[in-house]
Amino acid sequence: MDNTNGDITVSGTRTPGLVESGILYSVVAVLLITIGSFVQQKNFNSGILITEFILILAPSLLLLVIRQHDIKKVLRLNRVNFLNLFIIFSMMAFTMWIVAIINIFNLWIIKSIFGKVVVAELPISQTPLLVNILIIGGSAGICEEVMFRGVIQRSFEKFGAFLSIVITAFLFGLFHLDFQKLVGTFLLGILIGFIVYRTDSLFAGMFAHFTNNSLAVLTNYISGKVFTSDMSAMQSSENYLNDYFTMLDNMPSFQKLAVIGVWTASAVFCAAALSGLIWAFVRNTSKTEKHALQSSNNKLFPGVLAFLPGLIVIIIMYVSMGFYLKGITLD
């Protein structure tokens, strides 16, 4: 029996409804912006662990327990074979570069609109690499996947696999509170949602998320080691990016097109490789999870309104960031 204000049934599994997942999203968004930002400013490593496990994972699991959902079935805690894990790793490696190119274009546009970009640097230089991978890659891979692909994507599945993946990815992108990288995070969320749907396993999504974050940490670590002397001459990577985009803006048109051409060509190459990997991934998986039940009672409203408080808080943060980039101080 379908009910947007309560539980819905997908392939015989009673899953969270829109009101439940909307309340979860709104509550966690407020906790992230208030407590999460506070504890991360005090100490990044412990703050990340508190944010992920206490503010994100705990409410998600608490919802499933209180509402007496079958956690194993709702979260798709099913095994993933080694070949799929290898394909997923390869997919995320190529996707990371595609997302990086998209983020560069996005940052360039924002620099043109607002006059500057603000890039948060991960304070990982004083922490061992393995610890950074476990904290940044492992905690987010587990906790955020339980909330988004485990609970929220499930709640939208009665509207079909495509909508559930795309809507969840959009909410996932907004949740990271950085419109400078929103497009890249949104596309990453779509890929992870697709991976979870095809494998019928949240473990596959956790592995994909972990791989992406860990590769980002590893890349940051290597670049920091290789370019230590160069970075010492820079005040920050933020200043470097702003200066770099200013240099691009002042380039002759031919040189500017050449730079854009190199970026685009590398992204196209990675996209071609990713397409081949997705084809292999689809061939190696079967849609064991049936499409969500469809009926005339399947309506987004009023259940989706439960997401509104969280979205309003996030939008306020985005507007504040826009004012900050414009140099306007808000009292």
C-alpha atoms as a PDB file:
ATOM      1  CA  MET A   1       0.000   0.000   0.000  1.00  0.00           C
ATOM      2  CA  ASP A   2       1.424   3.385  -1.006  1.00  0.00           C
ATOM      3  CA  ASN A   3       1.307   6.445   1.179  1.00  0.00           C
ATOM      4  CA  THR A   4       3.453   9.533   0.625  1.00  0.00           C
ATOM      5  CA  ASN A   5       2.970  10.563   4.254  1.00  0.00           C
ATOM      6  CA  GLY A   6       4.067   7.237   5.649  1.00  0.00           C
ATOM      7  CA  ASP A   7       5.636   4.025   4.436  1.00  0.00           C
ATOM      8  CA  ILE A   8       5.758   2.842   0.854  1.00  0.00           C
ATOM      9  CA  THR A   9       6.255  -0.639  -0.465  1.00  0.00           C
ATOM     10  CA  VAL A  10       8.868  -1.308  -3.127  1.00  0.00           C
ATOM     11  CA  SER A  11       9.250  -4.865  -4.371  1.00  0.00           C
ATOM     12  CA  GLY A  12       7.791  -6.225  -1.143  1.00  0.00           C
ATOM     13  CA  THR A  13      10.024  -4.100   1.115  1.00  0.00           C
ATOM     14  CA  ARG A  14       8.435  -1.492   3.384  1.00  0.00           C
ATOM     15  CA  THR A  15      10.535   1.621   2.860  1.00  0.00           C
ATOM     16  CA  PRO A  16      10.542   5.135   4.410  1.00  0.00           C
ATOM     17  CA  GLY A  17       8.004   7.611   3.067  1.00  0.00           C
ATOM     18  CA  LEU A  18       8.684  11.125   1.844  1.00  0.00           C
ATOM     19  CA  VAL A  19       7.675  12.731   5.129  1.00  0.00           C
ATOM     20  CA  GLU A  20      10.116  10.544   7.037  1.00  0.00           C
ATOM     21  CA  SER A  21      13.061  11.136   4.719  1.00  0.00           C
ATOM     22  CA  GLY A  22      12.160  14.831   4.407  1.00  0.00           C
ATOM     23  CA  ILE A  23      12.213  15.309   8.165  1.00  0.00           C
ATOM     24  CA  LEU A  24      15.509  13.424   8.306  1.00  0.00           C
ATOM     25  CA  TYR A  25      17.037  15.662   5.612  1.00  0.00           C
ATOM     26  CA  SER A  26      15.818  18.847   7.290  1.00  0.00           C
ATOM     27  CA  VAL A  27      16.974  17.856  10.774  1.00  0.00           C
ATOM     28  CA  VAL A  28      20.416  16.729   9.595  1.00  0.00           C
ATOM     29  CA  ALA A  29      20.844  19.876   7.463  1.00  0.00           C
ATOM     30  CA  VAL A  30      20.249  22.075  10.520  1.00  0.00           C
ATOM     31  CA  LEU A  31      22.588  19.931  12.638  1.00  0.00           C
ATOM     32  CA  LEU A  32      25.261  20.103   9.919  1.00  0.00           C
ATOM     33  CA  ILE A  33      25.142  23.889   9.636  1.00  0.00           C
ATOM     34  CA  THR A  34      25.080  24.513  13.387  1.00  0.00           C
ATOM     35  CA  ILE A  35      26.818  21.781  15.372  1.00  0.00           C
ATOM     36  CA  GLY A  36      28.745  20.284  12.444  1.00  0.00           C
ATOM     37  CA  SER A  37      30.397  23.521  11.384  1.00  0.00           C
ATOM     38  CA  PHE A  38      31.215  24.348  15.016  1.00  0.00           C
ATOM     39  CA  VAL A  39      32.941  21.053  15.854  1.00  0.00           C
ATOM     40  CA  GLN A  40      34.846  20.993  12.567  1.00  0.00           C
ATOM     41  CA  GLN A  41      36.221  24.479  13.249  1.00  0.00           C
ATOM     42  CA  LYS A  42      37.374  23.350  16.695  1.00  0.00           C
ATOM     43  CA  ASN A  43      39.141  20.243  15.390  1.00  0.00           C
ATOM     44  CA  PHE A  44      38.806  19.051  11.813  1.00  0.00           C
ATOM     45  CA  ASN A  45      39.395  15.320  12.327  1.00  0.00           C
ATOM     46  CA  SER A  46      37.220  14.842  15.396  1.00  0.00           C
ATOM     47  CA  GLY A  47      34.691  17.279  13.924  1.00  0.00           C
ATOM     48  CA  ILE A  48      34.348  15.194  10.753  1.00  0.00           C
ATOM     49  CA  LEU A  49      33.804  12.025  12.804  1.00  0.00           C
ATOM     50  CA  ILE A  50      31.185  13.729  14.991  1.00  0.00           C
ATOM     51  CA  THR A  51      29.446  15.168  11.940  1.00  0.00           C
ATOM     52  CA  GLU A  52      29.365  11.929   9.982  1.00  0.00           C
ATOM     53  CA  PHE A  53      28.620   9.356  12.674  1.00  0.00           C
ATOM     54  CA  ILE A  54      26.562  11.352  15.195  1.00  0.00           C
ATOM     55  CA  LEU A  55      24.838  14.017  13.088  1.00  0.00           C
ATOM     56  CA  ILE A  56      24.305  12.043   9.849  1.00  0.00           C
ATOM     57  CA  LEU A  57      24.461   8.292  10.483  1.00  0.00           C
ATOM     58  CA  ALA A  58      22.810   8.151  13.926  1.00  0.00           C
ATOM     59  CA  PRO A  59      19.580   9.994  12.918  1.00  0.00           C
ATOM     60  CA  SER A  60      19.288   7.840   9.775  1.00  0.00           C
ATOM     61  CA  LEU A  61      19.571   4.582  11.694  1.00  0.00           C
ATOM     62  CA  LEU A  62      17.354   5.943  14.491  1.00  0.00           C
ATOM     63  CA  LEU A  63      14.617   6.654  11.943  1.00  0.00           C
ATOM     64  CA  LEU A  64      14.743   3.088  10.629  1.00  0.00           C
ATOM     65  CA  VAL A  65      14.717   1.613  14.133  1.00  0.00           C
ATOM     66  CA  ILE A  66      11.889   3.782  15.481  1.00  0.00           C
ATOM     67  CA  ARG A  67       9.742   3.150  12.400  1.00  0.00           C
ATOM     68  CA  GLN A  68      10.598  -0.577  12.618  1.00  0.00           C
ATOM     69  CA  HIS A  69      11.917  -0.892   9.080  1.00  0.00           C
ATOM     70  CA  ASP A  70      13.865  -3.948   7.989  1.00  0.00           C
ATOM     71  CA  ILE A  71      17.306  -2.297   7.994  1.00  0.00           C
ATOM     72  CA  LYS A  72      18.989  -4.987   5.909  1.00  0.00           C
ATOM     73  CA  LYS A  73      16.378  -4.827   3.145  1.00  0.00           C
ATOM     74  CA  VAL A  74      15.833  -1.065   3.159  1.00  0.00           C
ATOM     75  CA  LEU A  75      19.552  -0.303   3.048  1.00  0.00           C
ATOM     76  CA  ARG A  76      20.241  -3.076   0.522  1.00  0.00           C
ATOM     77  CA  LEU A  77      22.996  -4.632   2.632  1.00  0.00           C
ATOM     78  CA  ASN A  78      23.849  -7.184  -0.033  1.00  0.00           C
ATOM     79  CA  ARG A  79      27.214  -8.505  -1.151  1.00  0.00           C
ATOM     80  CA  VAL A  80      29.038  -7.157  -4.194  1.00  0.00           C
ATOM     81  CA  ASN A  81      31.296  -9.376  -6.307  1.00  0.00           C
ATOM     82  CA  PHE A  82      34.959  -8.503  -6.832  1.00  0.00           C
ATOM     83  CA  LEU A  83      34.614  -7.785 -10.553  1.00  0.00           C
ATOM     84  CA  ASN A  84      31.963  -5.151  -9.916  1.00  0.00           C
ATOM     85  CA  LEU A  85      34.166  -3.569  -7.238  1.00  0.00           C
ATOM     86  CA  PHE A  86      37.031  -3.373  -9.722  1.00  0.00           C
ATOM     87  CA  ILE A  87      34.784  -1.792 -12.370  1.00  0.00           C
ATOM     88  CA  ILE A  88      33.373   0.658  -9.819  1.00  0.00           C
ATOM     89  CA  PHE A  89      36.896   1.668  -8.755  1.00  0.00           C
ATOM     90  CA  SER A  90      37.845   2.303 -12.379  1.00  0.00           C
ATOM     91  CA  MET A  91      34.632   4.254 -12.999  1.00  0.00           C
ATOM     92  CA  MET A  92      35.272   6.524 -10.029  1.00  0.00           C
ATOM     93  CA  ALA A  93      38.888   7.134 -11.089  1.00  0.00           C
ATOM     94  CA  PHE A  94      37.796   8.493 -14.489  1.00  0.00           C
ATOM     95  CA  THR A  95      34.775  10.266 -12.988  1.00  0.00           C
ATOM     96  CA  MET A  96      36.990  12.162 -10.545  1.00  0.00           C
ATOM     97  CA  TRP A  97      38.846  13.846 -13.413  1.00  0.00           C
ATOM     98  CA  ILE A  98      35.606  14.626 -15.287  1.00  0.00           C
ATOM     99  CA  VAL A  99      34.155  16.192 -12.134  1.00  0.00           C
ATOM    100  CA  ALA A 100      37.381  18.142 -11.611  1.00  0.00           C
ATOM    101  CA  ILE A 101      37.138  19.642 -15.123  1.00  0.00           C
ATOM    102  CA  ILE A 102      33.459  20.491 -14.578  1.00  0.00           C
ATOM    103  CA  ASN A 103      34.334  22.153 -11.275  1.00  0.00           C
ATOM    104  CA  ILE A 104      37.062  24.207 -12.973  1.00  0.00           C
ATOM    105  CA  PHE A 105      34.570  25.549 -15.515  1.00  0.00           C
ATOM    106  CA  ASN A 106      32.053  26.157 -12.734  1.00  0.00           C
ATOM    107  CA  LEU A 107      34.617  28.031 -10.634  1.00  0.00           C
ATOM    108  CA  TRP A 108      35.662  30.091 -13.648  1.00  0.00           C
ATOM    109  CA  ILE A 109      32.066  31.137 -14.250  1.00  0.00           C
ATOM    110  CA  ILE A 110      31.619  32.033 -10.583  1.00  0.00           C
ATOM    111  CA  LYS A 111      34.866  34.033 -10.672  1.00  0.00           C
ATOM    112  CA  SER A 112      33.475  35.967 -13.657  1.00  0.00           C
ATOM    113  CA  ILE A 113      30.165  36.632 -11.881  1.00  0.00           C
ATOM    114  CA  PHE A 114      31.280  37.338  -8.312  1.00  0.00           C
ATOM    115  CA  GLY A 115      34.843  38.509  -8.863  1.00  0.00           C
ATOM    116  CA  LYS A 116      36.488  35.712  -6.876  1.00  0.00           C
ATOM    117  CA  VAL A 117      36.138  32.127  -5.723  1.00  0.00           C
ATOM    118  CA  VAL A 118      36.527  30.743  -2.226  1.00  0.00           C
ATOM    119  CA  VAL A 119      37.993  27.254  -1.981  1.00  0.00           C
ATOM    120  CA  ALA A 120      38.126  25.521   1.378  1.00  0.00           C
ATOM    121  CA  GLU A 121      41.451  23.768   1.867  1.00  0.00           C
ATOM    122  CA  LEU A 122      41.446  20.440   3.693  1.00  0.00           C
ATOM    123  CA  PRO A 123      43.707  20.703   6.777  1.00  0.00           C
ATOM    124  CA  ILE A 124      45.287  17.316   6.182  1.00  0.00           C
ATOM    125  CA  SER A 125      48.983  18.138   5.962  1.00  0.00           C
ATOM    126  CA  GLN A 126      49.656  17.410   9.662  1.00  0.00           C
ATOM    127  CA  THR A 127      47.796  14.074   9.689  1.00  0.00           C
ATOM    128  CA  PRO A 128      49.118  10.745   8.324  1.00  0.00           C
ATOM    129  CA  LEU A 129      47.788   9.871   4.881  1.00  0.00           C
ATOM    130  CA  LEU A 130      46.108   6.644   6.003  1.00  0.00           C
ATOM    131  CA  VAL A 131      44.279   8.479   8.798  1.00  0.00           C
ATOM    132  CA  ASN A 132      43.032  11.100   6.331  1.00  0.00           C
ATOM    133  CA  ILE A 133      41.791   8.392   3.967  1.00  0.00           C
ATOM    134  CA  LEU A 134      39.935   6.610   6.774  1.00  0.00           C
ATOM    135  CA  ILE A 135      38.421   9.818   8.171  1.00  0.00           C
ATOM    136  CA  ILE A 136      37.534  11.662   4.960  1.00  0.00           C
ATOM    137  CA  GLY A 137      36.973   8.678   2.695  1.00  0.00           C
ATOM    138  CA  GLY A 138      35.651   6.065   5.098  1.00  0.00           C
ATOM    139  CA  SER A 139      33.348   8.111   7.320  1.00  0.00           C
ATOM    140  CA  ALA A 140      31.629   9.927   4.445  1.00  0.00           C
ATOM    141  CA  GLY A 141      31.430   6.750   2.386  1.00  0.00           C
ATOM    142  CA  ILE A 142      29.562   4.970   5.149  1.00  0.00           C
ATOM    143  CA  CYS A 143      27.452   7.647   6.807  1.00  0.00           C
ATOM    144  CA  GLU A 144      26.340   9.781   3.857  1.00  0.00           C
ATOM    145  CA  GLU A 145      25.477   6.713   1.791  1.00  0.00           C
ATOM    146  CA  VAL A 146      23.231   5.334   4.536  1.00  0.00           C
ATOM    147  CA  MET A 147      21.336   8.628   4.618  1.00  0.00           C
ATOM    148  CA  PHE A 148      21.130   9.405   0.904  1.00  0.00           C
ATOM    149  CA  ARG A 149      21.178   6.170  -1.085  1.00  0.00           C
ATOM    150  CA  GLY A 150      19.971   4.101   1.873  1.00  0.00           C
ATOM    151  CA  VAL A 151      17.027   6.141   3.159  1.00  0.00           C
ATOM    152  CA  ILE A 152      16.260   9.097   0.875  1.00  0.00           C
ATOM    153  CA  GLN A 153      16.650   7.365  -2.493  1.00  0.00           C
ATOM    154  CA  ARG A 154      14.469   4.541  -1.183  1.00  0.00           C
ATOM    155  CA  SER A 155      11.708   6.977  -0.255  1.00  0.00           C
ATOM    156  CA  PHE A 156      11.517   8.301  -3.840  1.00  0.00           C
ATOM    157  CA  GLU A 157      11.614   4.919  -5.576  1.00  0.00           C
ATOM    158  CA  LYS A 158       7.866   4.612  -6.046  1.00  0.00           C
ATOM    159  CA  PHE A 159       8.244   7.417  -8.598  1.00  0.00           C
ATOM    160  CA  GLY A 160      10.654   5.265 -10.596  1.00  0.00           C
ATOM    161  CA  ALA A 161      14.379   4.540 -10.515  1.00  0.00           C
ATOM    162  CA  PHE A 162      15.376   7.535 -12.669  1.00  0.00           C
ATOM    163  CA  LEU A 163      13.612  10.169 -10.572  1.00  0.00           C
ATOM    164  CA  SER A 164      14.721   8.617  -7.298  1.00  0.00           C
ATOM    165  CA  ILE A 165      18.373   8.689  -8.375  1.00  0.00           C
ATOM    166  CA  VAL A 166      18.276  12.226  -9.813  1.00  0.00           C
ATOM    167  CA  ILE A 167      16.311  13.837  -6.960  1.00  0.00           C
ATOM    168  CA  THR A 168      18.520  12.179  -4.347  1.00  0.00           C
ATOM    169  CA  ALA A 169      21.659  13.300  -6.213  1.00  0.00           C
ATOM    170  CA  PHE A 170      20.365  16.888  -6.283  1.00  0.00           C
ATOM    171  CA  LEU A 171      19.671  16.828  -2.536  1.00  0.00           C
ATOM    172  CA  PHE A 172      23.113  15.262  -2.057  1.00  0.00           C
ATOM    173  CA  GLY A 173      24.772  18.043  -4.045  1.00  0.00           C
ATOM    174  CA  LEU A 174      22.989  20.788  -2.130  1.00  0.00           C
ATOM    175  CA  PHE A 175      23.885  19.122   1.165  1.00  0.00           C
ATOM    176  CA  HIS A 176      27.605  19.779   0.590  1.00  0.00           C
ATOM    177  CA  LEU A 177      26.968  23.523   0.956  1.00  0.00           C
ATOM    178  CA  ASP A 178      29.189  24.632  -1.899  1.00  0.00           C
ATOM    179  CA  PHE A 179      27.484  25.966  -5.038  1.00  0.00           C
ATOM    180  CA  GLN A 180      30.937  26.375  -6.562  1.00  0.00           C
ATOM    181  CA  LYS A 181      31.074  22.572  -6.941  1.00  0.00           C
ATOM    182  CA  LEU A 182      27.359  21.800  -7.018  1.00  0.00           C
ATOM    183  CA  VAL A 183      27.240  20.510 -10.605  1.00  0.00           C
ATOM    184  CA  GLY A 184      30.139  18.110 -10.102  1.00  0.00           C
ATOM    185  CA  THR A 185      28.759  16.775  -6.807  1.00  0.00           C
ATOM    186  CA  PHE A 186      25.317  16.367  -8.383  1.00  0.00           C
ATOM    187  CA  LEU A 187      26.718  14.266 -11.245  1.00  0.00           C
ATOM    188  CA  LEU A 188      28.754  12.217  -8.791  1.00  0.00           C
ATOM    189  CA  GLY A 189      25.584  11.565  -6.804  1.00  0.00           C
ATOM    190  CA  ILE A 190      23.797  10.350  -9.939  1.00  0.00           C
ATOM    191  CA  LEU A 191      26.568   7.853 -10.685  1.00  0.00           C
ATOM    192  CA  ILE A 192      26.629   6.512  -7.120  1.00  0.00           C
ATOM    193  CA  GLY A 193      22.833   6.212  -7.075  1.00  0.00           C
ATOM    194  CA  PHE A 194      22.958   4.301 -10.359  1.00  0.00           C
ATOM    195  CA  ILE A 195      25.627   1.985  -8.949  1.00  0.00           C
ATOM    196  CA  VAL A 196      23.517   1.218  -5.874  1.00  0.00           C
ATOM    197  CA  TYR A 197      20.429   0.592  -8.006  1.00  0.00           C
ATOM    198  CA  ARG A 198      22.179  -1.712 -10.465  1.00  0.00           C
ATOM    199  CA  THR A 199      23.996  -3.780  -7.836  1.00  0.00           C
ATOM    200  CA  ASP A 200      21.096  -3.677  -5.350  1.00  0.00           C
ATOM    201  CA  SER A 201      23.754  -3.059  -2.714  1.00  0.00           C
ATOM    202  CA  LEU A 202      24.518  -0.045  -0.557  1.00  0.00           C
ATOM    203  CA  PHE A 203      27.994  -1.496  -0.038  1.00  0.00           C
ATOM    204  CA  ALA A 204      28.697  -0.723  -3.709  1.00  0.00           C
ATOM    205  CA  GLY A 205      27.713   2.915  -3.129  1.00  0.00           C
ATOM    206  CA  MET A 206      29.857   3.096  -0.010  1.00  0.00           C
ATOM    207  CA  PHE A 207      32.827   1.726  -1.931  1.00  0.00           C
ATOM    208  CA  ALA A 208      32.280   4.208  -4.789  1.00  0.00           C
ATOM    209  CA  HIS A 209      32.006   7.150  -2.374  1.00  0.00           C
ATOM    210  CA  PHE A 210      35.059   5.953  -0.429  1.00  0.00           C
ATOM    211  CA  THR A 211      37.056   5.574  -3.645  1.00  0.00           C
ATOM    212  CA  ASN A 212      36.210   9.080  -4.834  1.00  0.00           C
ATOM    213  CA  ASN A 213      37.069  10.764  -1.535  1.00  0.00           C
ATOM    214  CA  SER A 214      40.207   8.696  -0.997  1.00  0.00           C
ATOM    215  CA  LEU A 215      41.531   9.443  -4.491  1.00  0.00           C
ATOM    216  CA  ALA A 216      40.887  13.139  -3.840  1.00  0.00           C
ATOM    217  CA  VAL A 217      42.838  12.953  -0.560  1.00  0.00           C
ATOM    218  CA  LEU A 218      45.656  11.031  -2.249  1.00  0.00           C
ATOM    219  CA  THR A 219      45.831  13.547  -5.106  1.00  0.00           C
ATOM    220  CA  ASN A 220      45.906  16.414  -2.619  1.00  0.00           C
ATOM    221  CA  TYR A 221      48.662  14.688  -0.648  1.00  0.00           C
ATOM    222  CA  ILE A 222      50.838  13.989  -3.698  1.00  0.00           C
ATOM    223  CA  SER A 223      50.436  17.485  -5.116  1.00  0.00           C
ATOM    224  CA  GLY A 224      51.334  18.907  -1.719  1.00  0.00           C
ATOM    225  CA  LYS A 225      54.541  16.858  -1.643  1.00  0.00           C
ATOM    226  CA  VAL A 226      55.519  17.579  -5.252  1.00  0.00           C
ATOM    227  CA  PHE A 227      54.740  21.282  -5.252  1.00  0.00           C
ATOM    228  CA  THR A 228      55.737  22.127  -1.680  1.00  0.00           C
ATOM    229  CA  SER A 229      58.269  24.753  -2.755  1.00  0.00           C
ATOM    230  CA  ASP A 230      55.850  26.341  -5.202  1.00  0.00           C
ATOM    231  CA  MET A 231      52.993  26.390  -2.702  1.00  0.00           C
ATOM    232  CA  SER A 232      55.199  28.077  -0.121  1.00  0.00           C
ATOM    233  CA  ALA A 233      55.374  31.062  -2.443  1.00  0.00           C
ATOM    234  CA  MET A 234      51.595  31.183  -2.645  1.00  0.00           C
ATOM    235  CA  GLN A 235      49.406  32.421   0.152  1.00  0.00           C
ATOM    236  CA  SER A 236      46.831  29.697  -0.508  1.00  0.00           C
ATOM    237  CA  SER A 237      45.357  27.547  -3.230  1.00  0.00           C
ATOM    238  CA  GLU A 238      42.396  29.941  -3.163  1.00  0.00           C
ATOM    239  CA  ASN A 239      44.628  32.863  -4.182  1.00  0.00           C
ATOM    240  CA  TYR A 240      46.275  30.637  -6.762  1.00  0.00           C
ATOM    241  CA  LEU A 241      42.923  29.801  -8.378  1.00  0.00           C
ATOM    242  CA  ASN A 242      41.794  33.427  -8.409  1.00  0.00           C
ATOM    243  CA  ASP A 243      45.089  34.504  -9.974  1.00  0.00           C
ATOM    244  CA  TYR A 244      44.892  31.628 -12.462  1.00  0.00           C
ATOM    245  CA  PHE A 245      41.389  32.553 -13.606  1.00  0.00           C
ATOM    246  CA  THR A 246      42.400  36.204 -13.861  1.00  0.00           C
ATOM    247  CA  MET A 247      45.295  35.142 -16.070  1.00  0.00           C
ATOM    248  CA  LEU A 248      42.907  33.115 -18.242  1.00  0.00           C
ATOM    249  CA  ASP A 249      40.569  36.083 -18.597  1.00  0.00           C
ATOM    250  CA  ASN A 250      43.466  38.230 -19.781  1.00  0.00           C
ATOM    251  CA  MET A 251      44.749  35.678 -22.294  1.00  0.00           C
ATOM    252  CA  PRO A 252      44.385  36.297 -26.037  1.00  0.00           C
ATOM    253  CA  SER A 253      41.355  34.486 -27.451  1.00  0.00           C
ATOM    254  CA  PHE A 254      43.451  31.873 -29.268  1.00  0.00           C
ATOM    255  CA  GLN A 255      45.360  30.858 -26.124  1.00  0.00           C
ATOM    256  CA  LYS A 256      42.181  30.810 -24.098  1.00  0.00           C
ATOM    257  CA  LEU A 257      40.507  28.512 -26.617  1.00  0.00           C
ATOM    258  CA  ALA A 258      43.578  26.258 -26.588  1.00  0.00           C
ATOM    259  CA  VAL A 259      43.375  25.883 -22.793  1.00  0.00           C
ATOM    260  CA  ILE A 260      39.656  25.168 -22.957  1.00  0.00           C
ATOM    261  CA  GLY A 261      40.309  22.686 -25.761  1.00  0.00           C
ATOM    262  CA  VAL A 262      42.836  20.759 -23.656  1.00  0.00           C
ATOM    263  CA  TRP A 263      40.422  20.613 -20.710  1.00  0.00           C
ATOM    264  CA  THR A 264      37.571  19.510 -22.936  1.00  0.00           C
ATOM    265  CA  ALA A 265      39.641  16.877 -24.760  1.00  0.00           C
ATOM    266  CA  SER A 266      40.792  15.324 -21.487  1.00  0.00           C
ATOM    267  CA  ALA A 267      37.208  15.292 -20.198  1.00  0.00           C
ATOM    268  CA  VAL A 268      35.960  13.689 -23.440  1.00  0.00           C
ATOM    269  CA  PHE A 269      38.647  10.999 -23.217  1.00  0.00           C
ATOM    270  CA  CYS A 270      37.676  10.193 -19.632  1.00  0.00           C
ATOM    271  CA  ALA A 271      33.986  10.251 -20.566  1.00  0.00           C
ATOM    272  CA  ALA A 272      34.640   7.736 -23.354  1.00  0.00           C
ATOM    273  CA  ALA A 273      36.501   5.454 -20.943  1.00  0.00           C
ATOM    274  CA  LEU A 274      33.725   5.884 -18.380  1.00  0.00           C
ATOM    275  CA  SER A 275      31.088   4.981 -20.977  1.00  0.00           C
ATOM    276  CA  GLY A 276      32.905   1.733 -21.723  1.00  0.00           C
ATOM    277  CA  LEU A 277      33.142   0.927 -18.035  1.00  0.00           C
ATOM    278  CA  ILE A 278      29.439   1.677 -17.509  1.00  0.00           C
ATOM    279  CA  TRP A 279      28.629  -0.666 -20.406  1.00  0.00           C
ATOM    280  CA  ALA A 280      30.724  -3.411 -18.783  1.00  0.00           C
ATOM    281  CA  PHE A 281      29.118  -2.664 -15.418  1.00  0.00           C
ATOM    282  CA  VAL A 282      25.599  -2.945 -16.846  1.00  0.00           C
ATOM    283  CA  ARG A 283      26.508  -6.200 -18.577  1.00  0.00           C
ATOM    284  CA  ASN A 284      27.830  -7.569 -15.291  1.00  0.00           C
ATOM    285  CA  THR A 285      24.770  -6.573 -13.244  1.00  0.00           C
ATOM    286  CA  SER A 286      21.084  -7.270 -13.461  1.00  0.00           C
ATOM    287  CA  LYS A 287      18.257  -5.103 -12.233  1.00  0.00           C
ATOM    288  CA  THR A 288      17.424  -7.295  -9.270  1.00  0.00           C
ATOM    289  CA  GLU A 289      15.495  -4.399  -7.793  1.00  0.00           C
ATOM    290  CA  LYS A 290      12.209  -3.960  -9.630  1.00  0.00           C
ATOM    291  CA  HIS A 291      10.804  -0.572 -10.479  1.00  0.00           C
ATOM    292  CA  ALA A 292       8.860   1.017  -7.689  1.00  0.00           C
ATOM    293  CA  LEU A 293       5.136   0.484  -7.610  1.00  0.00           C
ATOM    294  CA  GLN A 294       3.249   2.968  -9.754  1.00  0.00           C
ATOM    295  CA  SER A 295      -0.286   4.104  -9.039  1.00  0.00           C
ATOM    296  CA  SER A 296      -2.504   7.140  -9.354  1.00  0.00           C
ATOM    297  CA  ASN A 297      -1.894   7.845  -5.658  1.00  0.00           C
ATOM    298  CA  ASN A 298       1.812   8.456  -6.181  1.00  0.00           C
ATOM    299  CA  LYS A 299       2.152  12.173  -5.553  1.00  0.00           C
ATOM    300  CA  LEU A 300       5.127  14.258  -4.522  1.00  0.00           C
ATOM    301  CA  PHE A 301       2.894  16.630  -2.583  1.00  0.00           C
ATOM    302  CA  PRO A 302       2.374  17.084   0.286  1.00  0.00           C
ATOM    303  CA  GLY A 303       5.043  14.619   1.433  1.00  0.00           C
ATOM    304  CA  VAL A 304       7.920  16.398  -0.317  1.00  0.00           C
ATOM    305  CA  LEU A 305       7.207  19.559   1.712  1.00  0.00           C
ATOM    306  CA  ALA A 306       8.966  17.872   4.627  1.00  0.00           C
ATOM    307  CA  PHE A 307      12.241  18.621   2.812  1.00  0.00           C
ATOM    308  CA  LEU A 308      11.429  22.348   2.717  1.00  0.00           C
ATOM    309  CA  PRO A 309      12.892  23.421   6.113  1.00  0.00           C
ATOM    310  CA  GLY A 310      16.228  21.827   5.295  1.00  0.00           C
ATOM    311  CA  LEU A 311      16.255  23.279   1.791  1.00  0.00           C
ATOM    312  CA  ILE A 312      15.449  26.767   3.125  1.00  0.00           C
ATOM    313  CA  VAL A 313      18.343  26.605   5.583  1.00  0.00           C
ATOM    314  CA  ILE A 314      20.709  25.413   2.836  1.00  0.00           C
ATOM    315  CA  ILE A 315      19.531  28.126   0.423  1.00  0.00           C
ATOM    316  CA  ILE A 316      20.164  30.751   3.109  1.00  0.00           C
ATOM    317  CA  MET A 317      23.724  29.449   3.396  1.00  0.00           C
ATOM    318  CA  TYR A 318      24.142  29.638  -0.391  1.00  0.00           C
ATOM    319  CA  VAL A 319      22.834  33.203  -0.489  1.00  0.00           C
ATOM    320  CA  SER A 320      25.179  34.139   2.351  1.00  0.00           C
ATOM    321  CA  MET A 321      28.092  32.671   0.380  1.00  0.00           C
ATOM    322  CA  GLY A 322      27.055  34.715  -2.650  1.00  0.00           C
ATOM    323  CA  PHE A 323      27.038  37.915  -0.591  1.00  0.00           C
ATOM    324  CA  TYR A 324      30.433  36.970   0.846  1.00  0.00           C
ATOM    325  CA  LEU A 325      31.898  36.459  -2.618  1.00  0.00           C
ATOM    326  CA  LYS A 326      30.541  39.861  -3.591  1.00  0.00           C
ATOM    327  CA  GLY A 327      32.209  41.384  -0.531  1.00  0.00           C
ATOM    328  CA  ILE A 328      28.913  42.265   1.148  1.00  0.00           C
ATOM    329  CA  THR A 329      28.971  41.760   4.932  1.00  0.00           C
ATOM    330  CA  LEU A 330      25.784  40.485   6.545  1.00  0.00           C
ATOM    331  CA  ASP A 331      25.120  41.554  10.143  1.00  0.00           C
END
